[in-house]
Amino acid sequence: MAQIKNYMEEIVFNLMQEVLDDIKVCSCEKCILDIAAIALNDLPPKYIVTEKGELFSKINALKQQFEVDVISAITKAAVLVKRKPRHD
């Protein structure tokens, strides 16, 4: 079954842990999702129509192309969330 997917979401979540390991930031679900949302809002969406099985093979190709921009957006978002986390 074909589906529409924003590849940037997959790329951000695939690179996020690697980036966050270098930044001492809270790793609770709320902070992780806040970081992802902020980063994705700074990145252009890359929508594609794909079959379910094709998704992961295409992610690797796009990941290399956008890796620098994604790492930068994640880092910037993590710094913002670290300064002002939305939890107690």
N, C-alpha and C. Protein backbone atom coordinates (compact mmCIF):
# COMPACT_ATOMS: atom_id res chain seq x y z
N MET A 1 0.84 -1.19 0.00
CA MET A 1 0.00 0.00 0.00
C MET A 1 0.88 1.24 0.00
N ALA A 2 0.64 2.14 -0.91
CA ALA A 2 1.41 3.38 -0.99
C ALA A 2 0.99 4.33 0.12
N GLN A 3 1.95 5.11 0.59
CA GLN A 3 1.66 6.10 1.62
C GLN A 3 2.54 7.33 1.40
N ILE A 4 2.09 8.45 1.94
CA ILE A 4 2.87 9.68 1.85
C ILE A 4 3.66 9.81 3.15
N LYS A 5 4.91 10.24 3.03
CA LYS A 5 5.79 10.30 4.19
C LYS A 5 6.72 11.50 4.07
N ASN A 6 6.92 12.20 5.17
CA ASN A 6 7.91 13.26 5.24
C ASN A 6 9.23 12.62 5.66
N TYR A 7 10.14 12.46 4.72
CA TYR A 7 11.43 11.82 5.02
C TYR A 7 12.21 12.56 6.09
N MET A 8 12.03 13.87 6.20
CA MET A 8 12.77 14.62 7.22
C MET A 8 12.49 14.08 8.62
N GLU A 9 11.26 13.63 8.88
CA GLU A 9 10.96 13.05 10.19
C GLU A 9 11.87 11.86 10.48
N GLU A 10 11.98 10.98 9.51
CA GLU A 10 12.81 9.79 9.68
C GLU A 10 14.27 10.15 9.86
N ILE A 11 14.74 11.09 9.06
CA ILE A 11 16.14 11.49 9.15
C ILE A 11 16.43 12.12 10.51
N VAL A 12 15.55 13.02 10.97
CA VAL A 12 15.73 13.66 12.28
C VAL A 12 15.77 12.61 13.38
N PHE A 13 14.80 11.70 13.40
CA PHE A 13 14.79 10.70 14.47
C PHE A 13 15.96 9.72 14.37
N ASN A 14 16.44 9.44 13.15
CA ASN A 14 17.59 8.55 13.00
C ASN A 14 18.89 9.19 13.48
N LEU A 15 19.01 10.50 13.35
CA LEU A 15 20.24 11.19 13.76
C LEU A 15 20.18 11.77 15.16
N MET A 16 18.99 11.88 15.72
CA MET A 16 18.84 12.60 16.97
C MET A 16 19.66 12.03 18.12
N GLN A 17 19.62 10.74 18.35
CA GLN A 17 20.34 10.17 19.49
C GLN A 17 21.83 10.40 19.37
N GLU A 18 22.35 10.27 18.16
CA GLU A 18 23.78 10.50 17.92
C GLU A 18 24.17 11.93 18.30
N VAL A 19 23.33 12.89 17.92
CA VAL A 19 23.60 14.29 18.23
C VAL A 19 23.42 14.56 19.72
N LEU A 20 22.36 14.02 20.31
CA LEU A 20 22.07 14.29 21.72
C LEU A 20 23.06 13.65 22.67
N ASP A 21 23.75 12.61 22.22
CA ASP A 21 24.79 12.00 23.05
C ASP A 21 25.91 12.99 23.35
N ASP A 22 26.13 13.94 22.44
CA ASP A 22 27.19 14.95 22.62
C ASP A 22 26.73 16.15 23.43
N ILE A 23 25.43 16.29 23.62
CA ILE A 23 24.87 17.43 24.36
C ILE A 23 24.17 16.87 25.59
N LYS A 24 24.51 17.38 26.74
CA LYS A 24 23.87 16.92 27.96
C LYS A 24 22.49 17.55 28.07
N VAL A 25 21.49 16.83 27.57
CA VAL A 25 20.13 17.35 27.57
C VAL A 25 19.21 16.25 28.11
N CYS A 26 18.12 16.64 28.73
CA CYS A 26 17.16 15.68 29.27
C CYS A 26 16.69 14.77 28.14
N SER A 27 16.57 13.48 28.45
CA SER A 27 16.16 12.53 27.42
C SER A 27 14.76 11.97 27.68
N CYS A 28 13.95 12.71 28.43
CA CYS A 28 12.57 12.27 28.62
C CYS A 28 11.81 12.42 27.31
N GLU A 29 10.69 11.73 27.20
CA GLU A 29 9.93 11.72 25.95
C GLU A 29 9.49 13.13 25.54
N LYS A 30 9.07 13.95 26.50
CA LYS A 30 8.60 15.30 26.18
C LYS A 30 9.73 16.14 25.59
N CYS A 31 10.91 16.08 26.18
CA CYS A 31 12.04 16.86 25.66
C CYS A 31 12.48 16.36 24.29
N ILE A 32 12.53 15.05 24.10
CA ILE A 32 12.91 14.48 22.81
C ILE A 32 11.93 14.93 21.72
N LEU A 33 10.65 14.86 22.01
CA LEU A 33 9.65 15.28 21.02
C LEU A 33 9.68 16.78 20.78
N ASP A 34 9.95 17.57 21.82
CA ASP A 34 10.10 19.02 21.63
C ASP A 34 11.28 19.33 20.72
N ILE A 35 12.40 18.64 20.94
CA ILE A 35 13.59 18.84 20.11
C ILE A 35 13.27 18.48 18.66
N ALA A 36 12.62 17.34 18.46
CA ALA A 36 12.27 16.90 17.11
C ALA A 36 11.35 17.92 16.43
N ALA A 37 10.34 18.40 17.15
CA ALA A 37 9.37 19.35 16.57
C ALA A 37 10.06 20.65 16.19
N ILE A 38 10.91 21.17 17.06
CA ILE A 38 11.61 22.42 16.77
C ILE A 38 12.54 22.23 15.57
N ALA A 39 13.28 21.13 15.55
CA ALA A 39 14.19 20.86 14.43
C ALA A 39 13.41 20.74 13.12
N LEU A 40 12.32 19.99 13.14
CA LEU A 40 11.53 19.80 11.92
C LEU A 40 10.91 21.10 11.42
N ASN A 41 10.57 21.99 12.34
CA ASN A 41 10.03 23.29 11.92
C ASN A 41 11.09 24.15 11.24
N ASP A 42 12.38 23.89 11.50
CA ASP A 42 13.46 24.63 10.87
C ASP A 42 13.92 24.01 9.55
N LEU A 43 13.46 22.80 9.27
CA LEU A 43 13.90 22.07 8.07
C LEU A 43 12.79 22.03 7.03
N PRO A 44 13.16 22.04 5.75
CA PRO A 44 12.13 21.92 4.72
C PRO A 44 11.57 20.50 4.69
N PRO A 45 10.27 20.36 4.54
CA PRO A 45 9.71 19.00 4.45
C PRO A 45 10.13 18.35 3.13
N LYS A 46 10.31 17.05 3.16
CA LYS A 46 10.64 16.28 1.96
C LYS A 46 9.64 15.14 1.84
N TYR A 47 8.49 15.44 1.25
CA TYR A 47 7.43 14.44 1.14
C TYR A 47 7.65 13.56 -0.07
N ILE A 48 7.40 12.27 0.11
CA ILE A 48 7.48 11.32 -0.98
C ILE A 48 6.33 10.34 -0.84
N VAL A 49 5.99 9.71 -1.94
CA VAL A 49 5.02 8.63 -1.92
C VAL A 49 5.81 7.35 -2.11
N THR A 50 5.60 6.39 -1.22
CA THR A 50 6.40 5.18 -1.24
C THR A 50 5.60 3.98 -0.76
N GLU A 51 6.07 2.83 -1.10
CA GLU A 51 5.55 1.60 -0.52
C GLU A 51 6.25 1.43 0.82
N LYS A 52 5.62 0.79 1.78
CA LYS A 52 6.19 0.64 3.12
C LYS A 52 7.62 0.10 3.11
N GLY A 53 7.89 -0.93 2.35
CA GLY A 53 9.20 -1.56 2.36
C GLY A 53 10.31 -0.70 1.78
N GLU A 54 9.98 0.28 0.97
CA GLU A 54 10.98 1.13 0.33
C GLU A 54 11.53 2.19 1.27
N LEU A 55 10.83 2.47 2.33
CA LEU A 55 11.13 3.62 3.17
C LEU A 55 12.56 3.65 3.65
N PHE A 56 13.05 2.59 4.25
CA PHE A 56 14.35 2.64 4.88
C PHE A 56 15.50 2.68 3.88
N SER A 57 15.35 2.11 2.70
CA SER A 57 16.42 2.19 1.71
C SER A 57 16.58 3.62 1.20
N LYS A 58 15.50 4.36 1.09
CA LYS A 58 15.58 5.73 0.60
C LYS A 58 16.06 6.68 1.69
N ILE A 59 15.80 6.36 2.94
CA ILE A 59 16.22 7.24 4.04
C ILE A 59 17.73 7.43 4.02
N ASN A 60 18.47 6.35 3.84
CA ASN A 60 19.93 6.44 3.85
C ASN A 60 20.46 7.35 2.75
N ALA A 61 19.87 7.29 1.58
CA ALA A 61 20.31 8.15 0.48
C ALA A 61 20.03 9.62 0.80
N LEU A 62 18.86 9.91 1.31
CA LEU A 62 18.52 11.30 1.64
C LEU A 62 19.26 11.78 2.88
N LYS A 63 19.52 10.88 3.82
CA LYS A 63 20.19 11.25 5.06
C LYS A 63 21.53 11.91 4.77
N GLN A 64 22.30 11.33 3.87
CA GLN A 64 23.61 11.89 3.54
C GLN A 64 23.47 13.28 2.93
N GLN A 65 22.48 13.45 2.09
CA GLN A 65 22.28 14.72 1.41
C GLN A 65 21.93 15.85 2.40
N PHE A 66 21.14 15.54 3.41
CA PHE A 66 20.65 16.57 4.33
C PHE A 66 21.29 16.52 5.71
N GLU A 67 22.27 15.64 5.91
CA GLU A 67 22.81 15.38 7.24
C GLU A 67 23.31 16.63 7.96
N VAL A 68 24.07 17.48 7.30
CA VAL A 68 24.62 18.67 7.95
C VAL A 68 23.50 19.59 8.42
N ASP A 69 22.51 19.82 7.57
CA ASP A 69 21.39 20.69 7.95
C ASP A 69 20.60 20.10 9.11
N VAL A 70 20.39 18.79 9.09
CA VAL A 70 19.62 18.12 10.14
C VAL A 70 20.37 18.17 11.46
N ILE A 71 21.66 17.89 11.44
CA ILE A 71 22.46 17.93 12.67
C ILE A 71 22.45 19.34 13.26
N SER A 72 22.56 20.33 12.41
CA SER A 72 22.53 21.72 12.87
C SER A 72 21.17 22.06 13.50
N ALA A 73 20.09 21.65 12.87
CA ALA A 73 18.74 21.93 13.39
C ALA A 73 18.51 21.21 14.71
N ILE A 74 18.95 19.96 14.81
CA ILE A 74 18.78 19.21 16.06
C ILE A 74 19.58 19.86 17.18
N THR A 75 20.81 20.25 16.89
CA THR A 75 21.67 20.88 17.90
C THR A 75 21.05 22.18 18.40
N LYS A 76 20.60 22.99 17.48
CA LYS A 76 19.96 24.27 17.85
C LYS A 76 18.72 24.02 18.70
N ALA A 77 17.91 23.05 18.31
CA ALA A 77 16.69 22.73 19.06
C ALA A 77 17.02 22.19 20.44
N ALA A 78 18.05 21.35 20.54
CA ALA A 78 18.43 20.78 21.83
C ALA A 78 18.90 21.86 22.80
N VAL A 79 19.63 22.83 22.30
CA VAL A 79 20.08 23.94 23.15
C VAL A 79 18.88 24.73 23.67
N LEU A 80 17.90 24.99 22.80
CA LEU A 80 16.69 25.71 23.24
C LEU A 80 15.94 24.93 24.31
N VAL A 81 15.75 23.64 24.10
CA VAL A 81 15.01 22.82 25.06
C VAL A 81 15.79 22.68 26.36
N LYS A 82 17.10 22.59 26.26
CA LYS A 82 17.94 22.47 27.47
C LYS A 82 17.80 23.73 28.33
N ARG A 83 17.74 24.88 27.67
CA ARG A 83 17.60 26.14 28.41
C ARG A 83 16.24 26.27 29.08
N LYS A 84 15.20 25.81 28.39
CA LYS A 84 13.83 25.97 28.90
C LYS A 84 13.03 24.69 28.68
N PRO A 85 13.31 23.64 29.45
CA PRO A 85 12.49 22.42 29.30
C PRO A 85 11.06 22.70 29.76
N ARG A 86 10.11 21.99 29.16
CA ARG A 86 8.69 22.21 29.49
C ARG A 86 8.16 21.21 30.51
N HIS A 87 9.01 20.73 31.38
CA HIS A 87 8.57 19.80 32.42
C HIS A 87 9.12 20.24 33.76
N ASP A 88 8.65 19.59 34.82
CA ASP A 88 9.10 19.96 36.18
C ASP A 88 10.50 19.53 36.44
